[in-house]
Structure formats: C-alpha cells, structure tokens
Amino acid sequence: MSSMDREKTEFDGIAQSQGRVVVRDEKPPSQVKFYLHVSFFAMCGCLARIGTDRIFGKLAGIEDPGELVNQSFFSNIFGSFVLGALNGSPMGKTRLAALYKGLTTGFCGSYTTWSKWNQQQSLNLVGETPTSSHSQVLSIAAWFIGFYCFTGSYVVGLDFGKDVGNLIGKRVHKNGPKIADVCVGVLFVFAVIGLIIGAAVDPTLLGKTVWMTVLMAPFGASLRNWLSRFRIEKLKLPLGTLLANVLGATVLAIVHVINTRVVKSDCAGVDICWGAIMASAIGTGFCACLTTVSTFMSEICKLRPEHPRFAYFYAVLTVVLSQVICGIIIGASFNNP
C-alpha cells in the first residue's frame, strides 16, 4: 500500500472511541497541500530549534557538545512531547489532516534532529571535542540518557494528548481546511520572500546564517516526508525514517569535515564568508530537518507493545549505522589533518 493510499484510508475512517465521532471529509487533501504544510511548518520548527539551542546553549550554558547534555537536547525533548500530544489527539482524523501533517512531520520533525544529536556523540567518541580523556564514556552515557528522556517525553505527550486532546480538531467547520490551506500558503510565500530579503540585506554573519538555514529547512523535511512511504512490512521496519536519519547524519558528517578542514581556513579574516554560511545552512537547516528524533521515538513506542524485538532492533540499527558511518568519516579526517 502506498503512502497516499494509507493517508486516504486513515483519513476516510470515522474515529469512534469514548463516545465521540470525528468529522471526516469527502476526500483527503492533495499531496501538494501536504507538502505545502510540511514545508512551512518545517521552517517554523527549524527556527524554533535554533532559538532553543541558543537559549539553552550559548545563553544559559546548559547544553555543551562535550557534556552529557548535548546540543539540541531540549529541542528533542520538547518536540517529542508535542508530537506525542498531537498523535494522542483526534486531529489527524479530521478535515485538518494537512495541517496535522504539517505540525507533526513539518514542525515536530524539524524541531527535533537526529543528525545534530548523533554528531555530538561521534565527535566525543573520536575525541574531537575539547573535553578530557573520558569523552567516550560521556558519549555512551549520553545515548542512554537521551533515549530515556526522548521516549519518556513522547509517552507523557501521548497521555496528555489523549486526556485533553479531544478539544483539538474535534469539531471542524467545513471551510476549516480551506482557511488553513490559504493561510499557510500565504504565510509560506511571505516567509520565503522575507528570508531571501533578510539573507541579502542583513549585514551580520549570524543573521545571514539564520535566514539561509531556515530557507533550507523545507528541502530536508520534504525529502523526509517523501522517504516515509518506504517500509519493510515483514520486519516491521520504518525504512523511510531509518534512511532519512542515516542519510542526514552522513551528509552532516561530510559537511562538518569540509567546514573544519576547508571552509574555516578559506574564511579566515573574512567578515562575511558565504562558504561558512552555506555549510551551516546545509547542516543546521537541510540535514537537521531531514532527520528527526520525535518520529523515531514515536515509531519505537508504536512497535514495542506488539513487536518489542523489532523495536529494539530498529533503535540499535539506527544508532549503529549512524555512529559507524559518521565515526569513519569524522575519525579519518581527524586522524589525518
């Protein structure tokens, strides 16, 4: 069954539980509307992640690449909770299916990031972070702490969504989807124009970097949404998310090597270096939005009750593939400067 057929089947069903009937539409939204919502909310999620990382990283000093609480730790926790709340609510089976797709795949998937989190552990394992000799131990401990926190946050959000989420999307006006589509479409166009203008006229390196990073977000999120159609039913393996996370982590590792070995030397003494801007945009925008922690955690939680072996296999396979590939790329470059 294709992703479009699955979406239509899920969309056309009338949800009846605990005495509630959720309104259904005559036909599911088109794929164009889905991608429009995903793209717009991906930019929102990317911008929110940049702000969260800055608050808990540079401003508060809580997140540190060489400690247990790595970069994007809190955005992964918050995003997993929001996705759990949305999945626990009936919103996905209403006329607002496209908006729901934008909030889950677009916002939550881009607010959380697997590639950035994975790379922090890779840098610790190969000893590239400015820490003491026990960085490898910190990396291993960070994996366990991260998984417990992210899955726990998703489960709490799921319970929250089931308890109070009935208010979200329970009654939807027949023109609700059209209003949502128009608003998101207009906002998306204005956002793209504004980001392009901002990247062109902003005199600061930080400003140009942020605008270009957010502009790259829709490409990563849209590719992840397209990959989500792939699945190995026999192994209960969400192949799409696995491919997205491993691919994004690999590209980010390559971008990191190019940035540290080539771009930084070329940009030395230059106030505005577009090489550094694009490296950051591809890493923090495209790769970070291509990968996701929230969806990854939700798939593990969905598999675990009936297929625990497949759930653990999926989790271990993702970690091992990401770490081995990134470790080879970063380690080879680190040991051969």
Protein backbone atom coordinates (compact mmCIF):
# COMPACT_ATOMS: atom_id res chain seq x y z
CA MET A 1 0.00 0.00 0.00
CA SER A 2 1.41 3.40 -0.99
CA SER A 3 1.68 6.36 1.36
CA MET A 4 -1.14 8.12 -0.49
CA ASP A 5 -3.41 5.08 -0.06
CA ARG A 6 -2.52 4.83 3.63
CA GLU A 7 -3.28 8.53 4.11
CA LYS A 8 -6.62 8.14 2.33
CA THR A 9 -7.54 5.07 4.39
CA GLU A 10 -6.62 6.77 7.64
CA PHE A 11 -8.35 9.97 6.59
CA ASP A 12 -11.62 8.40 5.43
CA GLY A 13 -12.18 6.39 8.59
CA ILE A 14 -14.60 7.70 11.18
CA ALA A 15 -12.95 7.57 14.60
CA GLN A 16 -15.33 6.25 17.22
CA SER A 17 -13.92 5.94 20.72
CA GLN A 18 -15.21 7.01 24.09
CA GLY A 19 -18.48 8.10 22.53
CA ARG A 20 -17.01 10.65 20.11
CA VAL A 21 -17.42 10.82 16.35
CA VAL A 22 -14.78 12.75 14.45
CA VAL A 23 -15.88 14.57 11.31
CA ARG A 24 -14.49 13.27 8.03
CA ASP A 25 -14.03 14.99 4.72
CA GLU A 26 -15.25 13.83 1.31
CA LYS A 27 -11.72 13.30 0.05
CA PRO A 28 -8.22 13.62 1.51
CA PRO A 29 -6.11 16.68 0.75
CA SER A 30 -3.80 16.51 -2.24
CA GLN A 31 -0.11 15.74 -1.86
CA VAL A 32 0.66 19.35 -2.84
CA LYS A 33 -1.22 20.60 0.21
CA PHE A 34 0.59 18.12 2.42
CA TYR A 35 3.99 19.28 1.18
CA LEU A 36 2.96 22.93 1.49
CA HIS A 37 2.08 22.48 5.15
CA VAL A 38 5.19 20.38 5.79
CA SER A 39 7.44 23.00 4.18
CA PHE A 40 6.00 25.96 6.07
CA PHE A 41 5.99 24.31 9.46
CA ALA A 42 9.48 22.91 8.81
CA MET A 43 10.73 26.49 8.67
CA CYS A 44 8.90 27.22 11.93
CA GLY A 45 10.38 24.14 13.57
CA CYS A 46 13.89 24.93 12.35
CA LEU A 47 13.68 28.50 13.63
CA ALA A 48 12.32 27.29 16.97
CA ARG A 49 15.19 24.79 17.27
CA ILE A 50 17.78 27.48 16.55
CA GLY A 51 16.23 29.66 19.25
CA THR A 52 16.02 26.80 21.75
CA ASP A 53 19.64 25.78 21.13
CA ARG A 54 20.73 29.36 21.62
CA ILE A 55 18.75 29.76 24.85
CA PHE A 56 20.00 26.56 26.47
CA GLY A 57 23.41 26.64 24.82
CA LYS A 58 25.13 29.99 24.45
CA LEU A 59 22.89 31.97 26.81
CA ALA A 60 22.22 29.52 29.65
CA GLY A 61 25.31 27.37 29.11
CA ILE A 62 23.39 24.14 29.85
CA GLU A 63 23.89 22.38 26.51
CA ASP A 64 27.52 21.68 25.67
CA PRO A 65 28.99 19.48 22.89
CA GLY A 66 31.38 17.84 25.32
CA GLU A 67 28.92 17.05 28.13
CA LEU A 68 26.00 14.70 28.78
CA VAL A 69 23.51 17.38 27.74
CA ASN A 70 24.48 17.97 24.12
CA GLN A 71 23.23 20.48 21.61
CA SER A 72 19.54 20.10 20.64
CA PHE A 73 18.85 18.04 23.78
CA PHE A 74 15.98 20.26 24.93
CA SER A 75 14.51 20.77 21.46
CA ASN A 76 14.40 16.97 21.09
CA ILE A 77 12.58 16.67 24.42
CA PHE A 78 10.07 19.45 23.69
CA GLY A 79 9.46 18.29 20.11
CA SER A 80 8.89 14.68 21.20
CA PHE A 81 6.33 15.85 23.75
CA VAL A 82 4.45 17.94 21.18
CA LEU A 83 4.38 15.07 18.69
CA GLY A 84 3.06 12.74 21.37
CA ALA A 85 0.30 15.20 22.24
CA LEU A 86 -0.68 15.55 18.58
CA ASN A 87 -0.65 11.79 18.00
CA GLY A 88 -2.80 11.29 21.07
CA SER A 89 -5.39 13.79 19.85
CA PRO A 90 -8.06 13.09 17.20
CA MET A 91 -6.77 15.89 14.98
CA GLY A 92 -5.23 13.55 12.40
CA LYS A 93 -8.59 12.02 11.52
CA THR A 94 -10.43 15.28 10.88
CA ARG A 95 -10.66 17.62 7.93
CA LEU A 96 -7.46 19.21 9.20
CA ALA A 97 -5.33 16.27 8.06
CA ALA A 98 -3.00 18.51 6.03
CA LEU A 99 -2.49 20.86 8.97
CA TYR A 100 -1.87 17.85 11.20
CA LYS A 101 0.74 16.60 8.73
CA GLY A 102 2.42 19.99 8.80
CA LEU A 103 2.53 20.11 12.59
CA THR A 104 3.80 16.54 13.02
CA THR A 105 6.09 15.88 10.06
CA GLY A 106 6.92 19.53 9.46
CA PHE A 107 7.21 21.25 12.82
CA CYS A 108 7.96 18.41 15.25
CA GLY A 109 10.15 16.54 12.76
CA SER A 110 12.23 19.67 12.13
CA TYR A 111 12.22 20.95 15.69
CA THR A 112 13.88 17.69 16.73
CA THR A 113 17.01 16.48 14.98
CA TRP A 114 18.80 13.16 14.89
CA SER A 115 21.83 14.25 12.84
CA LYS A 116 22.94 17.02 15.23
CA TRP A 117 22.48 14.78 18.26
CA ASN A 118 24.27 11.86 16.60
CA GLN A 119 27.19 14.03 15.51
CA GLN A 120 27.82 15.26 19.05
CA GLN A 121 28.28 11.65 20.14
CA SER A 122 30.53 10.92 17.17
CA LEU A 123 32.74 13.90 17.99
CA ASN A 124 33.02 12.68 21.58
CA LEU A 125 33.86 9.13 20.52
CA VAL A 126 36.69 10.17 18.19
CA GLY A 127 37.98 12.69 20.71
CA GLU A 128 37.45 15.83 18.63
CA THR A 129 35.53 17.75 21.28
CA PRO A 130 37.53 19.90 23.74
CA THR A 131 36.98 17.59 26.73
CA SER A 132 39.05 15.35 28.94
CA SER A 133 40.03 11.78 28.12
CA HIS A 134 36.71 10.33 29.30
CA SER A 135 34.71 11.82 26.40
CA GLN A 136 33.95 8.32 25.09
CA VAL A 137 32.28 7.42 28.38
CA LEU A 138 30.24 10.61 28.23
CA SER A 139 29.11 9.75 24.71
CA ILE A 140 27.87 6.30 25.70
CA ALA A 141 26.11 7.66 28.78
CA ALA A 142 24.54 10.45 26.70
CA TRP A 143 22.94 7.87 24.41
CA PHE A 144 21.14 6.13 27.28
CA ILE A 145 20.12 9.39 28.94
CA GLY A 146 18.92 10.84 25.63
CA PHE A 147 16.83 7.80 24.70
CA TYR A 148 15.18 7.66 28.13
CA CYS A 149 14.39 11.38 28.06
CA PHE A 150 13.11 11.47 24.47
CA THR A 151 10.91 8.36 24.72
CA GLY A 152 9.64 9.44 28.14
CA SER A 153 8.76 12.88 26.80
CA TYR A 154 6.87 11.33 23.87
CA VAL A 155 4.89 8.98 26.15
CA VAL A 156 3.96 11.83 28.50
CA GLY A 157 2.85 13.88 25.50
CA LEU A 158 0.81 10.95 24.21
CA ASP A 159 -1.04 10.66 27.52
CA PHE A 160 -1.55 14.42 27.57
CA GLY A 161 -2.99 14.33 24.07
CA LYS A 162 -5.39 11.51 24.94
CA ASP A 163 -6.63 13.29 28.06
CA VAL A 164 -7.12 16.83 26.78
CA GLY A 165 -6.55 16.49 23.04
CA ASN A 166 -10.20 15.80 22.32
CA LEU A 167 -10.61 19.55 22.18
CA ILE A 168 -8.17 19.73 19.24
CA GLY A 169 -9.90 19.21 15.93
CA LYS A 170 -12.98 17.55 17.40
CA ARG A 171 -15.37 19.87 15.63
CA VAL A 172 -14.12 21.36 12.40
CA HIS A 173 -16.04 23.78 10.24
CA LYS A 174 -16.45 22.63 6.64
CA ASN A 175 -14.37 25.60 5.47
CA GLY A 176 -11.67 24.96 8.05
CA PRO A 177 -9.29 23.10 5.70
CA LYS A 178 -9.60 25.80 3.01
CA ILE A 179 -8.90 28.55 5.52
CA ALA A 180 -5.89 26.62 6.85
CA ASP A 181 -4.56 25.98 3.33
CA VAL A 182 -4.89 29.62 2.29
CA CYS A 183 -3.32 30.95 5.48
CA VAL A 184 -0.40 28.52 5.33
CA GLY A 185 0.11 29.18 1.62
CA VAL A 186 0.18 32.95 2.06
CA LEU A 187 2.43 32.75 5.11
CA PHE A 188 4.80 30.39 3.28
CA VAL A 189 5.17 32.76 0.32
CA PHE A 190 5.76 35.77 2.56
CA ALA A 191 8.19 33.78 4.71
CA VAL A 192 10.28 32.70 1.71
CA ILE A 193 10.39 36.25 0.33
CA GLY A 194 11.25 37.66 3.74
CA LEU A 195 14.02 35.13 4.33
CA ILE A 196 15.58 35.80 0.94
CA ILE A 197 15.49 39.56 1.52
CA GLY A 198 16.85 39.07 5.03
CA ALA A 199 19.76 36.95 3.81
CA ALA A 200 20.57 39.59 1.19
CA VAL A 201 20.40 42.75 3.29
CA ASP A 202 21.32 41.57 6.81
CA PRO A 203 24.83 42.91 7.48
CA THR A 204 25.69 40.36 10.18
CA LEU A 205 27.11 36.88 9.73
CA LEU A 206 24.70 35.43 12.31
CA GLY A 207 21.68 36.97 10.61
CA LYS A 208 22.59 35.73 7.14
CA THR A 209 23.28 32.28 8.56
CA VAL A 210 19.91 32.05 10.29
CA TRP A 211 17.96 33.20 7.23
CA MET A 212 19.72 30.77 4.91
CA THR A 213 19.38 27.94 7.43
CA VAL A 214 15.62 28.37 7.68
CA LEU A 215 15.38 28.55 3.87
CA MET A 216 17.00 25.10 3.64
CA ALA A 217 14.54 23.53 6.11
CA PRO A 218 11.70 22.74 3.65
CA PHE A 219 14.02 20.73 1.41
CA GLY A 220 15.12 18.44 4.23
CA ALA A 221 11.63 18.00 5.67
CA SER A 222 10.07 17.38 2.24
CA LEU A 223 12.65 14.71 1.44
CA ARG A 224 11.97 13.04 4.79
CA ASN A 225 8.24 13.15 4.09
CA TRP A 226 8.82 11.51 0.70
CA LEU A 227 11.05 8.81 2.20
CA SER A 228 8.39 7.98 4.80
CA ARG A 229 6.50 5.95 2.20
CA PHE A 230 9.13 3.21 2.31
CA ARG A 231 8.65 0.44 4.84
CA ILE A 232 9.69 -3.21 5.22
CA GLU A 233 6.47 -4.81 6.43
CA LYS A 234 7.99 -8.23 7.09
CA LEU A 235 10.46 -6.78 9.58
CA LYS A 236 8.06 -4.05 10.78
CA LEU A 237 10.87 -1.66 9.91
CA PRO A 238 10.10 2.03 9.16
CA LEU A 239 12.68 2.16 6.38
CA GLY A 240 11.88 5.76 5.44
CA THR A 241 12.84 7.25 8.81
CA LEU A 242 15.88 4.97 9.01
CA LEU A 243 17.08 6.17 5.59
CA ALA A 244 16.39 9.80 6.45
CA ASN A 245 18.26 9.66 9.76
CA VAL A 246 21.28 7.77 8.44
CA LEU A 247 21.47 9.84 5.24
CA GLY A 248 21.16 13.13 7.13
CA ALA A 249 23.76 12.08 9.70
CA THR A 250 26.16 11.06 6.91
CA VAL A 251 25.76 14.31 4.97
CA LEU A 252 26.20 16.33 8.17
CA ALA A 253 29.43 14.48 8.96
CA ILE A 254 30.75 15.28 5.47
CA VAL A 255 29.71 18.93 5.83
CA HIS A 256 31.46 19.05 9.22
CA VAL A 257 34.71 17.75 7.73
CA ILE A 258 34.56 20.20 4.81
CA ASN A 259 33.74 23.07 7.16
CA THR A 260 36.56 22.36 9.63
CA ARG A 261 39.22 21.39 7.09
CA VAL A 262 38.50 23.70 4.14
CA VAL A 263 35.93 26.42 4.79
CA LYS A 264 37.39 27.75 8.04
CA SER A 265 40.83 28.22 6.52
CA ASP A 266 39.41 29.88 3.41
CA CYS A 267 37.22 32.18 5.51
CA ALA A 268 39.97 33.27 7.88
CA GLY A 269 39.93 37.06 8.18
CA VAL A 270 36.72 37.41 6.15
CA ASP A 271 33.76 39.07 7.89
CA ILE A 272 31.03 37.59 5.69
CA CYS A 273 32.02 34.20 4.27
CA TRP A 274 29.31 32.53 2.21
CA GLY A 275 31.11 29.21 2.40
CA ALA A 276 30.68 29.14 6.17
CA ILE A 277 27.09 30.37 5.85
CA MET A 278 26.12 27.63 3.41
CA ALA A 279 27.90 24.96 5.45
CA SER A 280 25.87 25.96 8.48
CA ALA A 281 22.67 26.22 6.43
CA ILE A 282 23.09 22.73 4.99
CA GLY A 283 23.99 21.24 8.37
CA THR A 284 21.53 23.02 10.66
CA GLY A 285 18.83 23.54 8.03
CA PHE A 286 18.75 20.72 5.50
CA CYS A 287 20.38 17.84 7.43
CA ALA A 288 18.79 18.65 10.78
CA CYS A 289 15.32 18.82 9.18
CA LEU A 290 15.93 15.72 7.08
CA THR A 291 16.49 13.77 10.31
CA THR A 292 14.14 13.53 13.26
CA VAL A 293 14.09 12.30 16.83
CA SER A 294 10.39 12.74 17.55
CA THR A 295 9.18 10.47 14.73
CA PHE A 296 11.94 7.99 15.55
CA MET A 297 10.77 7.80 19.17
CA SER A 298 7.11 7.52 18.15
CA GLU A 299 7.86 4.59 15.84
CA ILE A 300 9.78 2.78 18.57
CA CYS A 301 6.92 3.31 21.02
CA LYS A 302 4.36 2.06 18.48
CA LEU A 303 6.39 -1.07 17.67
CA ARG A 304 7.31 -2.01 21.23
CA PRO A 305 3.93 -3.29 22.62
CA GLU A 306 3.38 -5.94 19.93
CA HIS A 307 6.84 -6.31 18.39
CA PRO A 308 9.45 -5.47 21.05
CA ARG A 309 12.27 -7.29 19.24
CA PHE A 310 11.70 -5.27 16.07
CA ALA A 311 11.52 -2.05 18.09
CA TYR A 312 14.87 -2.66 19.76
CA PHE A 313 16.39 -3.88 16.50
CA TYR A 314 15.23 -0.70 14.76
CA ALA A 315 16.68 1.50 17.52
CA VAL A 316 20.03 -0.30 17.66
CA LEU A 317 20.33 -0.46 13.88
CA THR A 318 19.79 3.30 13.55
CA VAL A 319 22.36 4.09 16.24
CA VAL A 320 24.98 1.66 14.95
CA LEU A 321 24.70 2.70 11.31
CA SER A 322 24.77 6.40 12.15
CA GLN A 323 27.71 6.08 14.54
CA VAL A 324 29.80 3.78 12.38
CA ILE A 325 29.41 5.84 9.20
CA CYS A 326 29.91 9.20 10.92
CA GLY A 327 32.73 7.85 13.08
CA ILE A 328 34.61 6.68 9.99
CA ILE A 329 34.13 10.00 8.18
CA ILE A 330 34.97 12.25 11.12
CA GLY A 331 37.62 9.95 12.59
CA ALA A 332 39.51 9.55 9.33
CA SER A 333 39.60 13.31 8.86
CA PHE A 334 40.55 13.96 12.50
CA ASN A 335 43.42 11.49 12.41
CA ASN A 336 44.68 12.81 9.06
CA PRO A 337 44.59 16.62 9.32
